[in-house]
Amino acid sequence: MGKFTYDSSITVDFDDRVLAHIQLVIGAKLRRGESFYFSWRDDPFVGGGRSTVWVHPGISLAFKYFGSKAPTLNRDWVEALSLSANSASGLQIVTEPGQRTP
């Protein structure tokens, strides 16, 4: 499990493969100077529910991977995540195209 850290105060665990895809989408939006919401489902271990943060170019973000090898990226998934990030509700983790819904 990798870790996404927001503003040095919120740290969330994501699978390395998921983290690599969201890093690419978040990075693209921030390079364009775009702010947006990012929401995810919280692990039941920390109480379940959902969390949302406002991602802005001035906020510190960190992506820490568990594995040493970069995961293979799925362009269709990057596109689906980008469409989500560009919506009014912001970036949400969507099922990878070609994968079954859990």
PDB file of N, CA and C in Angstrom:
ATOM      1  N   MET A   1       0.823  -1.186   0.000  1.00  0.00           N
ATOM      2  CA  MET A   1       0.000   0.000   0.000  1.00  0.00           C
ATOM      3  C   MET A   1       0.865   1.246   0.000  1.00  0.00           C
ATOM      4  N   GLY A   2       0.533   2.153  -0.918  1.00  0.00           N
ATOM      5  CA  GLY A   2       1.201   3.437  -0.948  1.00  0.00           C
ATOM      6  C   GLY A   2       0.443   4.435  -0.087  1.00  0.00           C
ATOM      7  N   LYS A   3       1.000   5.614   0.048  1.00  0.00           N
ATOM      8  CA  LYS A   3       0.377   6.643   0.891  1.00  0.00           C
ATOM      9  C   LYS A   3       0.276   7.957   0.135  1.00  0.00           C
ATOM     10  N   PHE A   4      -0.901   8.570   0.240  1.00  0.00           N
ATOM     11  CA  PHE A   4      -1.148   9.910  -0.282  1.00  0.00           C
ATOM     12  C   PHE A   4      -1.228  10.824   0.928  1.00  0.00           C
ATOM     13  N   THR A   5      -0.369  11.843   0.965  1.00  0.00           N
ATOM     14  CA  THR A   5      -0.378  12.782   2.085  1.00  0.00           C
ATOM     15  C   THR A   5      -0.768  14.158   1.567  1.00  0.00           C
ATOM     16  N   TYR A   6      -1.757  14.744   2.241  1.00  0.00           N
ATOM     17  CA  TYR A   6      -2.302  16.039   1.878  1.00  0.00           C
ATOM     18  C   TYR A   6      -1.966  17.044   2.970  1.00  0.00           C
ATOM     19  N   ASP A   7      -1.277  18.101   2.606  1.00  0.00           N
ATOM     20  CA  ASP A   7      -0.970  19.207   3.515  1.00  0.00           C
ATOM     21  C   ASP A   7      -0.321  18.749   4.823  1.00  0.00           C
ATOM     22  N   SER A   8       0.458  17.699   4.778  1.00  0.00           N
ATOM     23  CA  SER A   8       1.170  17.149   5.942  1.00  0.00           C
ATOM     24  C   SER A   8       0.248  16.750   7.092  1.00  0.00           C
ATOM     25  N   SER A   9      -1.080  16.769   6.869  1.00  0.00           N
ATOM     26  CA  SER A   9      -1.990  16.486   7.981  1.00  0.00           C
ATOM     27  C   SER A   9      -2.905  15.298   7.732  1.00  0.00           C
ATOM     28  N   ILE A  10      -3.124  14.931   6.476  1.00  0.00           N
ATOM     29  CA  ILE A  10      -3.993  13.804   6.148  1.00  0.00           C
ATOM     30  C   ILE A  10      -3.176  12.804   5.349  1.00  0.00           C
ATOM     31  N   THR A  11      -3.149  11.568   5.800  1.00  0.00           N
ATOM     32  CA  THR A  11      -2.472  10.508   5.073  1.00  0.00           C
ATOM     33  C   THR A  11      -3.454   9.376   4.850  1.00  0.00           C
ATOM     34  N   VAL A  12      -3.543   8.926   3.592  1.00  0.00           N
ATOM     35  CA  VAL A  12      -4.487   7.892   3.202  1.00  0.00           C
ATOM     36  C   VAL A  12      -3.734   6.801   2.457  1.00  0.00           C
ATOM     37  N   ASP A  13      -4.071   5.549   2.744  1.00  0.00           N
ATOM     38  CA  ASP A  13      -3.468   4.410   2.054  1.00  0.00           C
ATOM     39  C   ASP A  13      -4.220   4.102   0.766  1.00  0.00           C
ATOM     40  N   PHE A  14      -3.472   3.916  -0.308  1.00  0.00           N
ATOM     41  CA  PHE A  14      -4.011   3.474  -1.599  1.00  0.00           C
ATOM     42  C   PHE A  14      -3.075   2.400  -2.141  1.00  0.00           C
ATOM     43  N   ASP A  15      -3.628   1.480  -2.886  1.00  0.00           N
ATOM     44  CA  ASP A  15      -2.824   0.513  -3.616  1.00  0.00           C
ATOM     45  C   ASP A  15      -1.858   1.293  -4.522  1.00  0.00           C
ATOM     46  N   ASP A  16      -0.619   0.807  -4.668  1.00  0.00           N
ATOM     47  CA  ASP A  16       0.374   1.511  -5.486  1.00  0.00           C
ATOM     48  C   ASP A  16      -0.143   1.794  -6.895  1.00  0.00           C
ATOM     49  N   ARG A  17      -0.869   0.856  -7.470  1.00  0.00           N
ATOM     50  CA  ARG A  17      -1.386   1.028  -8.843  1.00  0.00           C
ATOM     51  C   ARG A  17      -2.402   2.169  -8.891  1.00  0.00           C
ATOM     52  N   VAL A  18      -3.307   2.217  -7.929  1.00  0.00           N
ATOM     53  CA  VAL A  18      -4.282   3.309  -7.853  1.00  0.00           C
ATOM     54  C   VAL A  18      -3.542   4.625  -7.639  1.00  0.00           C
ATOM     55  N   LEU A  19      -2.593   4.636  -6.719  1.00  0.00           N
ATOM     56  CA  LEU A  19      -1.850   5.850  -6.398  1.00  0.00           C
ATOM     57  C   LEU A  19      -1.124   6.404  -7.618  1.00  0.00           C
ATOM     58  N   ALA A  20      -0.533   5.539  -8.429  1.00  0.00           N
ATOM     59  CA  ALA A  20       0.176   5.994  -9.625  1.00  0.00           C
ATOM     60  C   ALA A  20      -0.770   6.686 -10.600  1.00  0.00           C
ATOM     61  N   HIS A  21      -1.972   6.160 -10.733  1.00  0.00           N
ATOM     62  CA  HIS A  21      -2.945   6.757 -11.644  1.00  0.00           C
ATOM     63  C   HIS A  21      -3.465   8.103 -11.122  1.00  0.00           C
ATOM     64  N   ILE A  22      -3.758   8.168  -9.831  1.00  0.00           N
ATOM     65  CA  ILE A  22      -4.259   9.446  -9.314  1.00  0.00           C
ATOM     66  C   ILE A  22      -3.149  10.501  -9.289  1.00  0.00           C
ATOM     67  N   GLN A  23      -1.912  10.076  -9.082  1.00  0.00           N
ATOM     68  CA  GLN A  23      -0.803  11.033  -9.124  1.00  0.00           C
ATOM     69  C   GLN A  23      -0.713  11.669 -10.513  1.00  0.00           C
ATOM     70  N   LEU A  24      -0.852  10.870 -11.540  1.00  0.00           N
ATOM     71  CA  LEU A  24      -0.775  11.385 -12.900  1.00  0.00           C
ATOM     72  C   LEU A  24      -1.895  12.390 -13.173  1.00  0.00           C
ATOM     73  N   VAL A  25      -3.114  12.060 -12.747  1.00  0.00           N
ATOM     74  CA  VAL A  25      -4.259  12.951 -12.974  1.00  0.00           C
ATOM     75  C   VAL A  25      -4.127  14.230 -12.147  1.00  0.00           C
ATOM     76  N   ILE A  26      -3.778  14.102 -10.875  1.00  0.00           N
ATOM     77  CA  ILE A  26      -3.610  15.280 -10.017  1.00  0.00           C
ATOM     78  C   ILE A  26      -2.491  16.170 -10.555  1.00  0.00           C
ATOM     79  N   GLY A  27      -1.382  15.567 -10.935  1.00  0.00           N
ATOM     80  CA  GLY A  27      -0.260  16.341 -11.467  1.00  0.00           C
ATOM     81  C   GLY A  27      -0.638  17.129 -12.713  1.00  0.00           C
ATOM     82  N   ALA A  28      -1.400  16.512 -13.598  1.00  0.00           N
ATOM     83  CA  ALA A  28      -1.820  17.195 -14.831  1.00  0.00           C
ATOM     84  C   ALA A  28      -2.698  18.401 -14.507  1.00  0.00           C
ATOM     85  N   LYS A  29      -3.622  18.236 -13.583  1.00  0.00           N
ATOM     86  CA  LYS A  29      -4.507  19.350 -13.219  1.00  0.00           C
ATOM     87  C   LYS A  29      -3.721  20.475 -12.553  1.00  0.00           C
ATOM     88  N   LEU A  30      -2.812  20.138 -11.653  1.00  0.00           N
ATOM     89  CA  LEU A  30      -2.042  21.168 -10.954  1.00  0.00           C
ATOM     90  C   LEU A  30      -1.079  21.889 -11.888  1.00  0.00           C
ATOM     91  N   ARG A  31      -0.520  21.184 -12.865  1.00  0.00           N
ATOM     92  CA  ARG A  31       0.354  21.849 -13.841  1.00  0.00           C
ATOM     93  C   ARG A  31      -0.405  22.931 -14.610  1.00  0.00           C
ATOM     94  N   ARG A  32      -1.708  22.719 -14.797  1.00  0.00           N
ATOM     95  CA  ARG A  32      -2.542  23.706 -15.490  1.00  0.00           C
ATOM     96  C   ARG A  32      -3.081  24.764 -14.526  1.00  0.00           C
ATOM     97  N   GLY A  33      -2.709  24.667 -13.253  1.00  0.00           N
ATOM     98  CA  GLY A  33      -3.158  25.635 -12.258  1.00  0.00           C
ATOM     99  C   GLY A  33      -4.606  25.450 -11.843  1.00  0.00           C
ATOM    100  N   GLU A  34      -5.155  24.251 -12.049  1.00  0.00           N
ATOM    101  CA  GLU A  34      -6.560  23.978 -11.743  1.00  0.00           C
ATOM    102  C   GLU A  34      -6.716  23.406 -10.334  1.00  0.00           C
ATOM    103  N   SER A  35      -7.699  23.916  -9.619  1.00  0.00           N
ATOM    104  CA  SER A  35      -8.059  23.397  -8.299  1.00  0.00           C
ATOM    105  C   SER A  35      -9.286  22.510  -8.456  1.00  0.00           C
ATOM    106  N   PHE A  36      -9.457  21.543  -7.550  1.00  0.00           N
ATOM    107  CA  PHE A  36     -10.571  20.601  -7.670  1.00  0.00           C
ATOM    108  C   PHE A  36     -10.715  19.822  -6.370  1.00  0.00           C
ATOM    109  N   TYR A  37     -11.865  19.174  -6.210  1.00  0.00           N
ATOM    110  CA  TYR A  37     -12.088  18.272  -5.087  1.00  0.00           C
ATOM    111  C   TYR A  37     -11.515  16.902  -5.412  1.00  0.00           C
ATOM    112  N   PHE A  38     -11.044  16.204  -4.386  1.00  0.00           N
ATOM    113  CA  PHE A  38     -10.629  14.804  -4.496  1.00  0.00           C
ATOM    114  C   PHE A  38     -11.307  14.064  -3.354  1.00  0.00           C
ATOM    115  N   SER A  39     -12.113  13.057  -3.704  1.00  0.00           N
ATOM    116  CA  SER A  39     -12.864  12.285  -2.707  1.00  0.00           C
ATOM    117  C   SER A  39     -12.506  10.813  -2.799  1.00  0.00           C
ATOM    118  N   TRP A  40     -12.565  10.136  -1.663  1.00  0.00           N
ATOM    119  CA  TRP A  40     -12.309   8.694  -1.616  1.00  0.00           C
ATOM    120  C   TRP A  40     -13.130   8.086  -0.489  1.00  0.00           C
ATOM    121  N   ARG A  41     -13.290   6.770  -0.556  1.00  0.00           N
ATOM    122  CA  ARG A  41     -13.959   6.025   0.512  1.00  0.00           C
ATOM    123  C   ARG A  41     -12.925   5.717   1.584  1.00  0.00           C
ATOM    124  N   ASP A  42     -13.291   5.995   2.821  1.00  0.00           N
ATOM    125  CA  ASP A  42     -12.391   5.696   3.926  1.00  0.00           C
ATOM    126  C   ASP A  42     -12.446   4.223   4.268  1.00  0.00           C
ATOM    127  N   ASP A  43     -11.326   3.708   4.700  1.00  0.00           N
ATOM    128  CA  ASP A  43     -11.234   2.319   5.132  1.00  0.00           C
ATOM    129  C   ASP A  43     -12.130   2.118   6.349  1.00  0.00           C
ATOM    130  N   PRO A  44     -12.844   1.003   6.429  1.00  0.00           N
ATOM    131  CA  PRO A  44     -13.675   0.740   7.611  1.00  0.00           C
ATOM    132  C   PRO A  44     -12.863   0.768   8.910  1.00  0.00           C
ATOM    133  N   PHE A  45     -11.558   0.472   8.818  1.00  0.00           N
ATOM    134  CA  PHE A  45     -10.685   0.478   9.989  1.00  0.00           C
ATOM    135  C   PHE A  45     -10.614   1.863  10.633  1.00  0.00           C
ATOM    136  N   VAL A  46     -10.781   2.914   9.824  1.00  0.00           N
ATOM    137  CA  VAL A  46     -10.738   4.283  10.357  1.00  0.00           C
ATOM    138  C   VAL A  46     -12.133   4.899  10.447  1.00  0.00           C
ATOM    139  N   GLY A  47     -13.147   4.061  10.400  1.00  0.00           N
ATOM    140  CA  GLY A  47     -14.509   4.538  10.601  1.00  0.00           C
ATOM    141  C   GLY A  47     -15.389   4.541   9.368  1.00  0.00           C
ATOM    142  N   GLY A  48     -14.851   4.162   8.214  1.00  0.00           N
ATOM    143  CA  GLY A  48     -15.657   4.134   7.003  1.00  0.00           C
ATOM    144  C   GLY A  48     -16.033   5.529   6.544  1.00  0.00           C
ATOM    145  N   GLY A  49     -17.043   5.611   5.700  1.00  0.00           N
ATOM    146  CA  GLY A  49     -17.490   6.899   5.190  1.00  0.00           C
ATOM    147  C   GLY A  49     -16.664   7.364   4.009  1.00  0.00           C
ATOM    148  N   ARG A  50     -16.709   8.675   3.769  1.00  0.00           N
ATOM    149  CA  ARG A  50     -15.971   9.283   2.664  1.00  0.00           C
ATOM    150  C   ARG A  50     -15.232  10.510   3.166  1.00  0.00           C
ATOM    151  N   SER A  51     -14.157  10.823   2.499  1.00  0.00           N
ATOM    152  CA  SER A  51     -13.411  12.051   2.782  1.00  0.00           C
ATOM    153  C   SER A  51     -13.240  12.816   1.485  1.00  0.00           C
ATOM    154  N   THR A  52     -13.173  14.133   1.598  1.00  0.00           N
ATOM    155  CA  THR A  52     -12.954  15.002   0.447  1.00  0.00           C
ATOM    156  C   THR A  52     -11.983  16.098   0.856  1.00  0.00           C
ATOM    157  N   VAL A  53     -11.033  16.397  -0.037  1.00  0.00           N
ATOM    158  CA  VAL A  53     -10.112  17.509   0.171  1.00  0.00           C
ATOM    159  C   VAL A  53     -10.176  18.416  -1.053  1.00  0.00           C
ATOM    160  N   TRP A  54      -9.856  19.685  -0.850  1.00  0.00           N
ATOM    161  CA  TRP A  54      -9.757  20.654  -1.933  1.00  0.00           C
ATOM    162  C   TRP A  54      -8.302  20.690  -2.353  1.00  0.00           C
ATOM    163  N   VAL A  55      -8.020  20.267  -3.570  1.00  0.00           N
ATOM    164  CA  VAL A  55      -6.644  20.222  -4.071  1.00  0.00           C
ATOM    165  C   VAL A  55      -6.367  21.525  -4.819  1.00  0.00           C
ATOM    166  N   HIS A  56      -5.311  22.186  -4.406  1.00  0.00           N
ATOM    167  CA  HIS A  56      -4.941  23.502  -4.936  1.00  0.00           C
ATOM    168  C   HIS A  56      -3.435  23.509  -5.170  1.00  0.00           C
ATOM    169  N   PRO A  57      -2.942  24.234  -6.192  1.00  0.00           N
ATOM    170  CA  PRO A  57      -1.500  24.250  -6.450  1.00  0.00           C
ATOM    171  C   PRO A  57      -0.641  24.672  -5.257  1.00  0.00           C
ATOM    172  N   GLY A  58      -1.197  25.394  -4.281  1.00  0.00           N
ATOM    173  CA  GLY A  58      -0.420  25.846  -3.127  1.00  0.00           C
ATOM    174  C   GLY A  58      -0.399  24.863  -1.966  1.00  0.00           C
ATOM    175  N   ILE A  59      -1.104  23.735  -2.097  1.00  0.00           N
ATOM    176  CA  ILE A  59      -1.170  22.741  -1.013  1.00  0.00           C
ATOM    177  C   ILE A  59      -0.094  21.681  -1.243  1.00  0.00           C
ATOM    178  N   SER A  60       0.590  21.308  -0.179  1.00  0.00           N
ATOM    179  CA  SER A  60       1.627  20.286  -0.258  1.00  0.00           C
ATOM    180  C   SER A  60       1.001  18.890  -0.387  1.00  0.00           C
ATOM    181  N   LEU A  61       1.472  18.138  -1.375  1.00  0.00           N
ATOM    182  CA  LEU A  61       1.036  16.754  -1.583  1.00  0.00           C
ATOM    183  C   LEU A  61       2.256  15.855  -1.638  1.00  0.00           C
ATOM    184  N   ALA A  62       2.101  14.625  -1.161  1.00  0.00           N
ATOM    185  CA  ALA A  62       3.183  13.644  -1.266  1.00  0.00           C
ATOM    186  C   ALA A  62       2.583  12.300  -1.651  1.00  0.00           C
ATOM    187  N   PHE A  63       3.293  11.577  -2.504  1.00  0.00           N
ATOM    188  CA  PHE A  63       2.904  10.244  -2.944  1.00  0.00           C
ATOM    189  C   PHE A  63       4.043   9.302  -2.574  1.00  0.00           C
ATOM    190  N   LYS A  64       3.791   8.383  -1.655  1.00  0.00           N
ATOM    191  CA  LYS A  64       4.820   7.441  -1.191  1.00  0.00           C
ATOM    192  C   LYS A  64       4.385   6.035  -1.579  1.00  0.00           C
ATOM    193  N   TYR A  65       5.228   5.359  -2.344  1.00  0.00           N
ATOM    194  CA  TYR A  65       4.905   4.023  -2.844  1.00  0.00           C
ATOM    195  C   TYR A  65       5.554   2.950  -1.990  1.00  0.00           C
ATOM    196  N   PHE A  66       4.854   1.836  -1.817  1.00  0.00           N
ATOM    197  CA  PHE A  66       5.392   0.710  -1.070  1.00  0.00           C
ATOM    198  C   PHE A  66       6.420  -0.037  -1.914  1.00  0.00           C
ATOM    199  N   GLY A  67       6.079  -0.284  -3.175  1.00  0.00           N
ATOM    200  CA  GLY A  67       6.967  -1.041  -4.056  1.00  0.00           C
ATOM    201  C   GLY A  67       8.016  -0.155  -4.701  1.00  0.00           C
ATOM    202  N   SER A  68       9.095  -0.787  -5.170  1.00  0.00           N
ATOM    203  CA  SER A  68      10.183  -0.031  -5.794  1.00  0.00           C
ATOM    204  C   SER A  68      10.001   0.118  -7.301  1.00  0.00           C
ATOM    205  N   LYS A  69       9.105  -0.670  -7.906  1.00  0.00           N
ATOM    206  CA  LYS A  69       8.889  -0.599  -9.349  1.00  0.00           C
ATOM    207  C   LYS A  69       7.635   0.214  -9.643  1.00  0.00           C
ATOM    208  N   ALA A  70       7.716   1.030 -10.688  1.00  0.00           N
ATOM    209  CA  ALA A  70       6.556   1.835 -11.094  1.00  0.00           C
ATOM    210  C   ALA A  70       5.492   0.922 -11.699  1.00  0.00           C
ATOM    211  N   PRO A  71       4.247   1.055 -11.249  1.00  0.00           N
ATOM    212  CA  PRO A  71       3.168   0.238 -11.815  1.00  0.00           C
ATOM    213  C   PRO A  71       2.917   0.586 -13.281  1.00  0.00           C
ATOM    214  N   THR A  72       2.426  -0.375 -14.027  1.00  0.00           N
ATOM    215  CA  THR A  72       2.028  -0.145 -15.411  1.00  0.00           C
ATOM    216  C   THR A  72       0.779   0.724 -15.418  1.00  0.00           C
ATOM    217  N   LEU A  73       0.771   1.720 -16.290  1.00  0.00           N
ATOM    218  CA  LEU A  73      -0.368   2.636 -16.351  1.00  0.00           C
ATOM    219  C   LEU A  73      -1.346   2.209 -17.443  1.00  0.00           C
ATOM    220  N   ASN A  74      -2.624   2.399 -17.172  1.00  0.00           N
ATOM    221  CA  ASN A  74      -3.709   2.103 -18.101  1.00  0.00           C
ATOM    222  C   ASN A  74      -4.248   3.450 -18.599  1.00  0.00           C
ATOM    223  N   ARG A  75      -4.014   3.763 -19.870  1.00  0.00           N
ATOM    224  CA  ARG A  75      -4.431   5.058 -20.424  1.00  0.00           C
ATOM    225  C   ARG A  75      -5.938   5.268 -20.334  1.00  0.00           C
ATOM    226  N   ASP A  76      -6.715   4.187 -20.513  1.00  0.00           N
ATOM    227  CA  ASP A  76      -8.172   4.308 -20.414  1.00  0.00           C
ATOM    228  C   ASP A  76      -8.590   4.694 -19.000  1.00  0.00           C
ATOM    229  N   TRP A  77      -7.892   4.165 -18.011  1.00  0.00           N
ATOM    230  CA  TRP A  77      -8.203   4.493 -16.620  1.00  0.00           C
ATOM    231  C   TRP A  77      -7.808   5.937 -16.312  1.00  0.00           C
ATOM    232  N   VAL A  78      -6.663   6.364 -16.824  1.00  0.00           N
ATOM    233  CA  VAL A  78      -6.242   7.763 -16.648  1.00  0.00           C
ATOM    234  C   VAL A  78      -7.309   8.683 -17.236  1.00  0.00           C
ATOM    235  N   GLU A  79      -7.813   8.333 -18.408  1.00  0.00           N
ATOM    236  CA  GLU A  79      -8.849   9.144 -19.050  1.00  0.00           C
ATOM    237  C   GLU A  79     -10.131   9.165 -18.215  1.00  0.00           C
ATOM    238  N   ALA A  80     -10.545   8.026 -17.691  1.00  0.00           N
ATOM    239  CA  ALA A  80     -11.756   7.959 -16.856  1.00  0.00           C
ATOM    240  C   ALA A  80     -11.580   8.779 -15.577  1.00  0.00           C
ATOM    241  N   LEU A  81     -10.414   8.690 -14.958  1.00  0.00           N
ATOM    242  CA  LEU A  81     -10.138   9.476 -13.756  1.00  0.00           C
ATOM    243  C   LEU A  81     -10.080  10.967 -14.080  1.00  0.00           C
ATOM    244  N   SER A  82      -9.528  11.315 -15.233  1.00  0.00           N
ATOM    245  CA  SER A  82      -9.460  12.717 -15.649  1.00  0.00           C
ATOM    246  C   SER A  82     -10.854  13.286 -15.881  1.00  0.00           C
ATOM    247  N   LEU A  83     -11.728  12.503 -16.494  1.00  0.00           N
ATOM    248  CA  LEU A  83     -13.115  12.953 -16.683  1.00  0.00           C
ATOM    249  C   LEU A  83     -13.775  13.201 -15.334  1.00  0.00           C
ATOM    250  N   SER A  84     -13.514  12.314 -14.378  1.00  0.00           N
ATOM    251  CA  SER A  84     -14.049  12.492 -13.033  1.00  0.00           C
ATOM    252  C   SER A  84     -13.509  13.779 -12.415  1.00  0.00           C
ATOM    253  N   ALA A  85     -12.210  13.998 -12.539  1.00  0.00           N
ATOM    254  CA  ALA A  85     -11.579  15.180 -11.947  1.00  0.00           C
ATOM    255  C   ALA A  85     -12.116  16.471 -12.547  1.00  0.00           C
ATOM    256  N   ASN A  86     -12.538  16.416 -13.792  1.00  0.00           N
ATOM    257  CA  ASN A  86     -13.051  17.607 -14.472  1.00  0.00           C
ATOM    258  C   ASN A  86     -14.544  17.826 -14.234  1.00  0.00           C
ATOM    259  N   SER A  87     -15.183  16.935 -13.485  1.00  0.00           N
ATOM    260  CA  SER A  87     -16.610  17.087 -13.198  1.00  0.00           C
ATOM    261  C   SER A  87     -16.805  18.009 -11.992  1.00  0.00           C
ATOM    262  N   ALA A  88     -18.047  18.408 -11.763  1.00  0.00           N
ATOM    263  CA  ALA A  88     -18.365  19.296 -10.636  1.00  0.00           C
ATOM    264  C   ALA A  88     -18.072  18.645  -9.290  1.00  0.00           C
ATOM    265  N   SER A  89     -18.183  17.315  -9.208  1.00  0.00           N
ATOM    266  CA  SER A  89     -17.924  16.627  -7.934  1.00  0.00           C
ATOM    267  C   SER A  89     -16.445  16.330  -7.724  1.00  0.00           C
ATOM    268  N   GLY A  90     -15.618  16.490  -8.742  1.00  0.00           N
ATOM    269  CA  GLY A  90     -14.179  16.312  -8.597  1.00  0.00           C
ATOM    270  C   GLY A  90     -13.709  14.883  -8.767  1.00  0.00           C
ATOM    271  N   LEU A  91     -12.422  14.690  -8.537  1.00  0.00           N
ATOM    272  CA  LEU A  91     -11.781  13.393  -8.716  1.00  0.00           C
ATOM    273  C   LEU A  91     -12.303  12.379  -7.714  1.00  0.00           C
ATOM    274  N   GLN A  92     -12.768  11.254  -8.251  1.00  0.00           N
ATOM    275  CA  GLN A  92     -13.175  10.119  -7.434  1.00  0.00           C
ATOM    276  C   GLN A  92     -12.573   8.880  -8.064  1.00  0.00           C
ATOM    277  N   ILE A  93     -12.226   7.922  -7.241  1.00  0.00           N
ATOM    278  CA  ILE A  93     -11.639   6.684  -7.753  1.00  0.00           C
ATOM    279  C   ILE A  93     -12.737   5.900  -8.451  1.00  0.00           C
ATOM    280  N   VAL A  94     -12.590   5.703  -9.750  1.00  0.00           N
ATOM    281  CA  VAL A  94     -13.544   4.916 -10.522  1.00  0.00           C
ATOM    282  C   VAL A  94     -12.906   3.563 -10.836  1.00  0.00           C
ATOM    283  N   THR A  95     -13.750   2.580 -11.122  1.00  0.00           N
ATOM    284  CA  THR A  95     -13.271   1.246 -11.442  1.00  0.00           C
ATOM    285  C   THR A  95     -12.425   1.282 -12.715  1.00  0.00           C
ATOM    286  N   GLU A  96     -11.327   0.581 -12.698  1.00  0.00           N
ATOM    287  CA  GLU A  96     -10.458   0.518 -13.878  1.00  0.00           C
ATOM    288  C   GLU A  96     -11.209  -0.135 -15.030  1.00  0.00           C
ATOM    289  N   PRO A  97     -11.222   0.499 -16.213  1.00  0.00           N
ATOM    290  CA  PRO A  97     -11.887  -0.119 -17.364  1.00  0.00           C
ATOM    291  C   PRO A  97     -11.339  -1.519 -17.614  1.00  0.00           C
ATOM    292  N   GLY A  98     -12.254  -2.444 -17.852  1.00  0.00           N
ATOM    293  CA  GLY A  98     -11.864  -3.830 -18.084  1.00  0.00           C
ATOM    294  C   GLY A  98     -11.799  -4.649 -16.798  1.00  0.00           C
ATOM    295  N   GLN A  99     -11.991  -4.026 -15.651  1.00  0.00           N
ATOM    296  CA  GLN A  99     -11.965  -4.723 -14.363  1.00  0.00           C
ATOM    297  C   GLN A  99     -13.381  -4.871 -13.830  1.00  0.00           C
ATOM    298  N   ARG A 100     -13.603  -5.915 -13.067  1.00  0.00           N
ATOM    299  CA  ARG A 100     -14.906  -6.127 -12.439  1.00  0.00           C
ATOM    300  C   ARG A 100     -15.060  -5.212 -11.234  1.00  0.00           C
ATOM    301  N   THR A 101     -16.282  -4.764 -10.991  1.00  0.00           N
ATOM    302  CA  THR A 101     -16.567  -3.949  -9.820  1.00  0.00           C
ATOM    303  C   THR A 101     -16.528  -4.840  -8.592  1.00  0.00           C
ATOM    304  N   PRO A 102     -15.819  -4.398  -7.517  1.00  0.00           N
ATOM    305  CA  PRO A 102     -15.731  -5.240  -6.321  1.00  0.00           C
ATOM    306  C   PRO A 102     -17.062  -5.406  -5.624  1.00  0.00           C
TER     307      PRO A 102
END
